[in-house]
Amino acid sequence: MFEIRDVRQIRLLASPVRQAIIDVLESSGPQSAAEMATILGYAPDALYHHVRKLARGGLVTAAQRPGGTGKRCAVFALKATGTRLHYDPSNHQNRRAISAVAASMLRDASRAFAKAMKHNPVVDGRRRDLWVGRRTGWLTEAELEQLNDLLHQITKLMEIARPRRRTKLYALTFALSPFGTKRRS
């Protein structure tokens, strides 16, 4: 697992496009900008700026491989797989950077959800592919541990690299936080 601790690197991930690049490289392995653009539905030239920033920031490495026309093309890969952000609530800069990444993730999830609603999603049954919800509940420490174990299992399932044939790329965004953390008098 690669834990991103440097606040400058965390700040790089406050961009939904850069988060998407990291996600694709983690789920699909090394890719050219054109391959990533096909997966993400972007123009390749729209990704170069972001990939270069990630490379300069030390999150992505670049290598050359032969291209389809005999020319060499750049292929990008994660420096390490299993990326995680390091949370340090006692550090003001880390707290702000992590919060900016979380806000970006939630905005991007909202946009993706709205876009998916327009494309005849499956909204019932075991093959449901579009779902949003919110639950609040009183949890014991044991139940909080169980919830975290389940979220860990889900993230592990999502991290398995698979070939693109017969699979569909999904994004799962969730936020777990204490509700109403303001102290009552």
C-alpha atoms as a PDB file:
ATOM      1  CA  MET A   1       0.000   0.000   0.000  1.00  0.00           C
ATOM      2  CA  PHE A   2       1.206   3.496  -0.852  1.00  0.00           C
ATOM      3  CA  GLU A   3       0.160   6.089   1.694  1.00  0.00           C
ATOM      4  CA  ILE A   4       0.263   9.639   0.366  1.00  0.00           C
ATOM      5  CA  ARG A   5       1.554  11.757   3.239  1.00  0.00           C
ATOM      6  CA  ASP A   6       2.995  14.813   1.501  1.00  0.00           C
ATOM      7  CA  VAL A   7       0.459  17.665   1.645  1.00  0.00           C
ATOM      8  CA  ARG A   8       1.574  18.880  -1.821  1.00  0.00           C
ATOM      9  CA  GLN A   9       0.741  15.465  -3.279  1.00  0.00           C
ATOM     10  CA  ILE A  10      -2.603  15.369  -1.464  1.00  0.00           C
ATOM     11  CA  ARG A  11      -3.444  18.808  -2.883  1.00  0.00           C
ATOM     12  CA  LEU A  12      -2.779  17.465  -6.391  1.00  0.00           C
ATOM     13  CA  LEU A  13      -5.706  15.095  -5.871  1.00  0.00           C
ATOM     14  CA  ALA A  14      -8.223  17.881  -5.249  1.00  0.00           C
ATOM     15  CA  SER A  15      -8.884  17.697  -9.009  1.00  0.00           C
ATOM     16  CA  PRO A  16     -11.531  15.171 -10.114  1.00  0.00           C
ATOM     17  CA  VAL A  17      -9.597  14.588 -13.351  1.00  0.00           C
ATOM     18  CA  ARG A  18      -6.401  13.716 -11.476  1.00  0.00           C
ATOM     19  CA  GLN A  19      -8.388  11.465  -9.118  1.00  0.00           C
ATOM     20  CA  ALA A  20      -9.861   9.718 -12.167  1.00  0.00           C
ATOM     21  CA  ILE A  21      -6.386   9.219 -13.655  1.00  0.00           C
ATOM     22  CA  ILE A  22      -5.173   7.638 -10.406  1.00  0.00           C
ATOM     23  CA  ASP A  23      -8.299   5.440 -10.306  1.00  0.00           C
ATOM     24  CA  VAL A  24      -7.806   4.231 -13.890  1.00  0.00           C
ATOM     25  CA  LEU A  25      -4.125   3.487 -13.382  1.00  0.00           C
ATOM     26  CA  GLU A  26      -4.938   1.608 -10.195  1.00  0.00           C
ATOM     27  CA  SER A  27      -7.763  -0.435 -11.736  1.00  0.00           C
ATOM     28  CA  SER A  28      -6.304  -0.950 -15.226  1.00  0.00           C
ATOM     29  CA  GLY A  29      -2.532  -0.800 -14.852  1.00  0.00           C
ATOM     30  CA  PRO A  30      -0.122   1.291 -16.962  1.00  0.00           C
ATOM     31  CA  GLN A  31      -1.859   3.277 -19.708  1.00  0.00           C
ATOM     32  CA  SER A  32      -1.087   5.861 -22.344  1.00  0.00           C
ATOM     33  CA  ALA A  33      -2.967   9.148 -22.202  1.00  0.00           C
ATOM     34  CA  ALA A  34      -5.016   8.003 -25.224  1.00  0.00           C
ATOM     35  CA  GLU A  35      -5.993   4.761 -23.460  1.00  0.00           C
ATOM     36  CA  MET A  36      -6.963   6.645 -20.303  1.00  0.00           C
ATOM     37  CA  ALA A  37      -8.955   9.134 -22.383  1.00  0.00           C
ATOM     38  CA  THR A  38     -10.933   6.287 -23.968  1.00  0.00           C
ATOM     39  CA  ILE A  39     -11.768   4.815 -20.567  1.00  0.00           C
ATOM     40  CA  LEU A  40     -12.678   8.173 -19.015  1.00  0.00           C
ATOM     41  CA  GLY A  41     -14.422   9.726 -22.004  1.00  0.00           C
ATOM     42  CA  TYR A  42     -12.018  12.674 -22.270  1.00  0.00           C
ATOM     43  CA  ALA A  43      -9.959  13.973 -25.159  1.00  0.00           C
ATOM     44  CA  PRO A  44      -6.334  12.776 -24.753  1.00  0.00           C
ATOM     45  CA  ASP A  45      -4.962  16.312 -24.854  1.00  0.00           C
ATOM     46  CA  ALA A  46      -7.224  17.188 -21.898  1.00  0.00           C
ATOM     47  CA  LEU A  47      -5.323  14.653 -19.767  1.00  0.00           C
ATOM     48  CA  TYR A  48      -1.688  15.529 -20.574  1.00  0.00           C
ATOM     49  CA  HIS A  49      -1.604  18.570 -18.278  1.00  0.00           C
ATOM     50  CA  HIS A  50      -2.950  16.530 -15.367  1.00  0.00           C
ATOM     51  CA  VAL A  51      -0.715  13.505 -15.992  1.00  0.00           C
ATOM     52  CA  ARG A  52       2.360  15.761 -16.119  1.00  0.00           C
ATOM     53  CA  LYS A  53       1.366  17.373 -12.810  1.00  0.00           C
ATOM     54  CA  LEU A  54       0.964  13.940 -11.222  1.00  0.00           C
ATOM     55  CA  ALA A  55       4.368  12.894 -12.612  1.00  0.00           C
ATOM     56  CA  ARG A  56       6.069  16.070 -11.357  1.00  0.00           C
ATOM     57  CA  GLY A  57       4.411  15.503  -7.990  1.00  0.00           C
ATOM     58  CA  GLY A  58       5.852  11.990  -7.775  1.00  0.00           C
ATOM     59  CA  LEU A  59       2.552  10.096  -7.886  1.00  0.00           C
ATOM     60  CA  VAL A  60       2.889   8.789 -11.449  1.00  0.00           C
ATOM     61  CA  THR A  61       5.862   7.524 -13.441  1.00  0.00           C
ATOM     62  CA  ALA A  62       6.301   7.739 -17.205  1.00  0.00           C
ATOM     63  CA  ALA A  63       7.961   5.234 -19.521  1.00  0.00           C
ATOM     64  CA  GLN A  64       8.144   4.821 -23.288  1.00  0.00           C
ATOM     65  CA  ARG A  65       6.798   1.907 -25.318  1.00  0.00           C
ATOM     66  CA  PRO A  66       6.392   1.348 -29.049  1.00  0.00           C
ATOM     67  CA  GLY A  67       3.166   2.878 -30.354  1.00  0.00           C
ATOM     68  CA  GLY A  68       0.844   1.527 -33.027  1.00  0.00           C
ATOM     69  CA  THR A  69       2.402   3.623 -35.813  1.00  0.00           C
ATOM     70  CA  GLY A  70       5.982   2.689 -34.976  1.00  0.00           C
ATOM     71  CA  LYS A  71       6.483   5.845 -32.912  1.00  0.00           C
ATOM     72  CA  ARG A  72       7.143   5.598 -29.220  1.00  0.00           C
ATOM     73  CA  CYS A  73       4.368   6.662 -26.858  1.00  0.00           C
ATOM     74  CA  ALA A  74       4.398   7.608 -23.204  1.00  0.00           C
ATOM     75  CA  VAL A  75       2.854   5.130 -20.805  1.00  0.00           C
ATOM     76  CA  PHE A  76       1.994   6.205 -17.293  1.00  0.00           C
ATOM     77  CA  ALA A  77       1.840   4.086 -14.166  1.00  0.00           C
ATOM     78  CA  LEU A  78       1.316   4.623 -10.479  1.00  0.00           C
ATOM     79  CA  LYS A  79       4.445   4.833  -8.397  1.00  0.00           C
ATOM     80  CA  ALA A  80       2.820   2.177  -6.199  1.00  0.00           C
ATOM     81  CA  THR A  81      -0.611   0.556  -6.019  1.00  0.00           C
ATOM     82  CA  GLY A  82      -3.079   0.593  -3.179  1.00  0.00           C
ATOM     83  CA  THR A  83      -2.969   4.362  -2.770  1.00  0.00           C
ATOM     84  CA  ARG A  84      -4.347   5.829   0.429  1.00  0.00           C
ATOM     85  CA  LEU A  85      -4.364   9.365   1.766  1.00  0.00           C
ATOM     86  CA  HIS A  86      -2.756   9.953   5.150  1.00  0.00           C
ATOM     87  CA  TYR A  87      -5.147  11.708   7.532  1.00  0.00           C
ATOM     88  CA  ASP A  88      -3.545  13.894  10.186  1.00  0.00           C
ATOM     89  CA  PRO A  89      -6.335  15.935  11.823  1.00  0.00           C
ATOM     90  CA  SER A  90      -3.814  17.630  14.110  1.00  0.00           C
ATOM     91  CA  ASN A  91      -2.020  19.140  11.085  1.00  0.00           C
ATOM     92  CA  HIS A  92      -3.918  22.157   9.712  1.00  0.00           C
ATOM     93  CA  GLN A  93      -2.458  21.856   6.185  1.00  0.00           C
ATOM     94  CA  ASN A  94      -3.207  18.136   5.994  1.00  0.00           C
ATOM     95  CA  ARG A  95      -6.729  18.687   7.324  1.00  0.00           C
ATOM     96  CA  ARG A  96      -7.432  21.345   4.669  1.00  0.00           C
ATOM     97  CA  ALA A  97      -5.907  19.260   1.850  1.00  0.00           C
ATOM     98  CA  ILE A  98      -7.857  16.115   2.804  1.00  0.00           C
ATOM     99  CA  SER A  99     -11.075  18.134   3.111  1.00  0.00           C
ATOM    100  CA  ALA A 100     -10.503  19.630  -0.357  1.00  0.00           C
ATOM    101  CA  VAL A 101     -10.019  16.144  -1.838  1.00  0.00           C
ATOM    102  CA  ALA A 102     -13.194  14.919  -0.093  1.00  0.00           C
ATOM    103  CA  ALA A 103     -15.194  17.890  -1.408  1.00  0.00           C
ATOM    104  CA  SER A 104     -13.887  17.233  -4.919  1.00  0.00           C
ATOM    105  CA  MET A 105     -14.812  13.534  -4.693  1.00  0.00           C
ATOM    106  CA  LEU A 106     -18.334  14.307  -3.555  1.00  0.00           C
ATOM    107  CA  ARG A 107     -18.874  16.949  -6.283  1.00  0.00           C
ATOM    108  CA  ASP A 108     -17.593  14.528  -8.906  1.00  0.00           C
ATOM    109  CA  ALA A 109     -19.838  11.739  -7.586  1.00  0.00           C
ATOM    110  CA  SER A 110     -22.821  14.070  -7.842  1.00  0.00           C
ATOM    111  CA  ARG A 111     -21.982  14.924 -11.457  1.00  0.00           C
ATOM    112  CA  ALA A 112     -21.448  11.265 -12.374  1.00  0.00           C
ATOM    113  CA  PHE A 113     -24.738  10.308 -10.743  1.00  0.00           C
ATOM    114  CA  ALA A 114     -26.667  12.994 -12.662  1.00  0.00           C
ATOM    115  CA  LYS A 115     -25.028  11.906 -15.924  1.00  0.00           C
ATOM    116  CA  ALA A 116     -25.784   8.222 -15.283  1.00  0.00           C
ATOM    117  CA  MET A 117     -29.452   9.016 -14.583  1.00  0.00           C
ATOM    118  CA  LYS A 118     -29.782  10.027 -18.248  1.00  0.00           C
ATOM    119  CA  HIS A 119     -28.565   6.650 -19.579  1.00  0.00           C
ATOM    120  CA  ASN A 120     -31.212   4.145 -18.521  1.00  0.00           C
ATOM    121  CA  PRO A 121     -29.536   2.841 -15.343  1.00  0.00           C
ATOM    122  CA  VAL A 122     -30.545  -0.301 -13.493  1.00  0.00           C
ATOM    123  CA  VAL A 123     -32.097   0.951 -10.246  1.00  0.00           C
ATOM    124  CA  ASP A 124     -33.499  -2.247  -8.699  1.00  0.00           C
ATOM    125  CA  GLY A 125     -32.377  -5.767  -7.970  1.00  0.00           C
ATOM    126  CA  ARG A 126     -29.008  -7.447  -7.559  1.00  0.00           C
ATOM    127  CA  ARG A 127     -27.543  -5.880 -10.725  1.00  0.00           C
ATOM    128  CA  ARG A 128     -28.465  -2.365  -9.702  1.00  0.00           C
ATOM    129  CA  ASP A 129     -25.772  -0.003 -10.982  1.00  0.00           C
ATOM    130  CA  LEU A 130     -27.017   3.354  -9.734  1.00  0.00           C
ATOM    131  CA  TRP A 131     -27.697   4.048  -6.101  1.00  0.00           C
ATOM    132  CA  VAL A 132     -27.404   6.935  -3.712  1.00  0.00           C
ATOM    133  CA  GLY A 133     -28.442   6.922  -0.120  1.00  0.00           C
ATOM    134  CA  ARG A 134     -27.807   8.293   3.283  1.00  0.00           C
ATOM    135  CA  ARG A 135     -28.228   6.651   6.626  1.00  0.00           C
ATOM    136  CA  THR A 136     -27.595   7.904  10.100  1.00  0.00           C
ATOM    137  CA  GLY A 137     -27.566   5.551  13.009  1.00  0.00           C
ATOM    138  CA  TRP A 138     -26.413   5.122  16.565  1.00  0.00           C
ATOM    139  CA  LEU A 139     -23.493   2.676  16.488  1.00  0.00           C
ATOM    140  CA  THR A 140     -21.663   0.914  19.261  1.00  0.00           C
ATOM    141  CA  GLU A 141     -17.880   0.685  19.016  1.00  0.00           C
ATOM    142  CA  ALA A 142     -18.268  -2.942  17.858  1.00  0.00           C
ATOM    143  CA  GLU A 143     -20.755  -1.893  15.145  1.00  0.00           C
ATOM    144  CA  LEU A 144     -18.409   0.902  14.000  1.00  0.00           C
ATOM    145  CA  GLU A 145     -15.649  -1.701  13.698  1.00  0.00           C
ATOM    146  CA  GLN A 146     -17.994  -3.940  11.677  1.00  0.00           C
ATOM    147  CA  LEU A 147     -18.927  -1.031   9.391  1.00  0.00           C
ATOM    148  CA  ASN A 148     -15.252  -0.242   8.818  1.00  0.00           C
ATOM    149  CA  ASP A 149     -14.535  -3.920   8.078  1.00  0.00           C
ATOM    150  CA  LEU A 150     -17.318  -3.934   5.462  1.00  0.00           C
ATOM    151  CA  LEU A 151     -16.047  -0.705   3.871  1.00  0.00           C
ATOM    152  CA  HIS A 152     -12.566  -2.229   3.773  1.00  0.00           C
ATOM    153  CA  GLN A 153     -13.970  -5.324   2.008  1.00  0.00           C
ATOM    154  CA  ILE A 154     -15.744  -3.098  -0.523  1.00  0.00           C
ATOM    155  CA  THR A 155     -12.617  -1.088  -1.285  1.00  0.00           C
ATOM    156  CA  LYS A 156     -10.605  -4.303  -1.674  1.00  0.00           C
ATOM    157  CA  LEU A 157     -13.214  -5.599  -4.149  1.00  0.00           C
ATOM    158  CA  MET A 158     -12.999  -2.347  -6.126  1.00  0.00           C
ATOM    159  CA  GLU A 159      -9.173  -2.477  -6.211  1.00  0.00           C
ATOM    160  CA  ILE A 160      -8.934  -5.779  -8.072  1.00  0.00           C
ATOM    161  CA  ALA A 161      -7.454  -5.083 -11.498  1.00  0.00           C
ATOM    162  CA  ARG A 162      -9.464  -6.785 -14.229  1.00  0.00           C
ATOM    163  CA  PRO A 163      -9.372  -6.800 -18.012  1.00  0.00           C
ATOM    164  CA  ARG A 164     -11.878  -4.413 -19.548  1.00  0.00           C
ATOM    165  CA  ARG A 165     -13.677  -7.104 -21.528  1.00  0.00           C
ATOM    166  CA  ARG A 166     -16.958  -8.142 -19.919  1.00  0.00           C
ATOM    167  CA  THR A 167     -16.527  -5.654 -17.112  1.00  0.00           C
ATOM    168  CA  LYS A 168     -17.710  -2.123 -16.558  1.00  0.00           C
ATOM    169  CA  LEU A 169     -15.799   0.550 -14.679  1.00  0.00           C
ATOM    170  CA  TYR A 170     -17.667   1.819 -11.604  1.00  0.00           C
ATOM    171  CA  ALA A 171     -16.916   4.526  -9.077  1.00  0.00           C
ATOM    172  CA  LEU A 172     -17.973   4.267  -5.460  1.00  0.00           C
ATOM    173  CA  THR A 173     -17.818   7.363  -3.287  1.00  0.00           C
ATOM    174  CA  PHE A 174     -18.777   7.320   0.348  1.00  0.00           C
ATOM    175  CA  ALA A 175     -18.241   9.489   3.372  1.00  0.00           C
ATOM    176  CA  LEU A 176     -18.383   8.282   6.943  1.00  0.00           C
ATOM    177  CA  SER A 177     -18.268  10.884   9.672  1.00  0.00           C
ATOM    178  CA  PRO A 178     -19.759  11.464  13.083  1.00  0.00           C
ATOM    179  CA  PHE A 179     -23.082  13.225  12.703  1.00  0.00           C
ATOM    180  CA  GLY A 180     -23.653  16.426  14.648  1.00  0.00           C
ATOM    181  CA  THR A 181     -20.168  16.625  16.159  1.00  0.00           C
ATOM    182  CA  LYS A 182     -20.971  19.968  17.754  1.00  0.00           C
ATOM    183  CA  ARG A 183     -21.026  19.630  21.510  1.00  0.00           C
ATOM    184  CA  ARG A 184     -24.312  20.276  23.178  1.00  0.00           C
ATOM    185  CA  SER A 185     -24.426  22.347  26.331  1.00  0.00           C
END
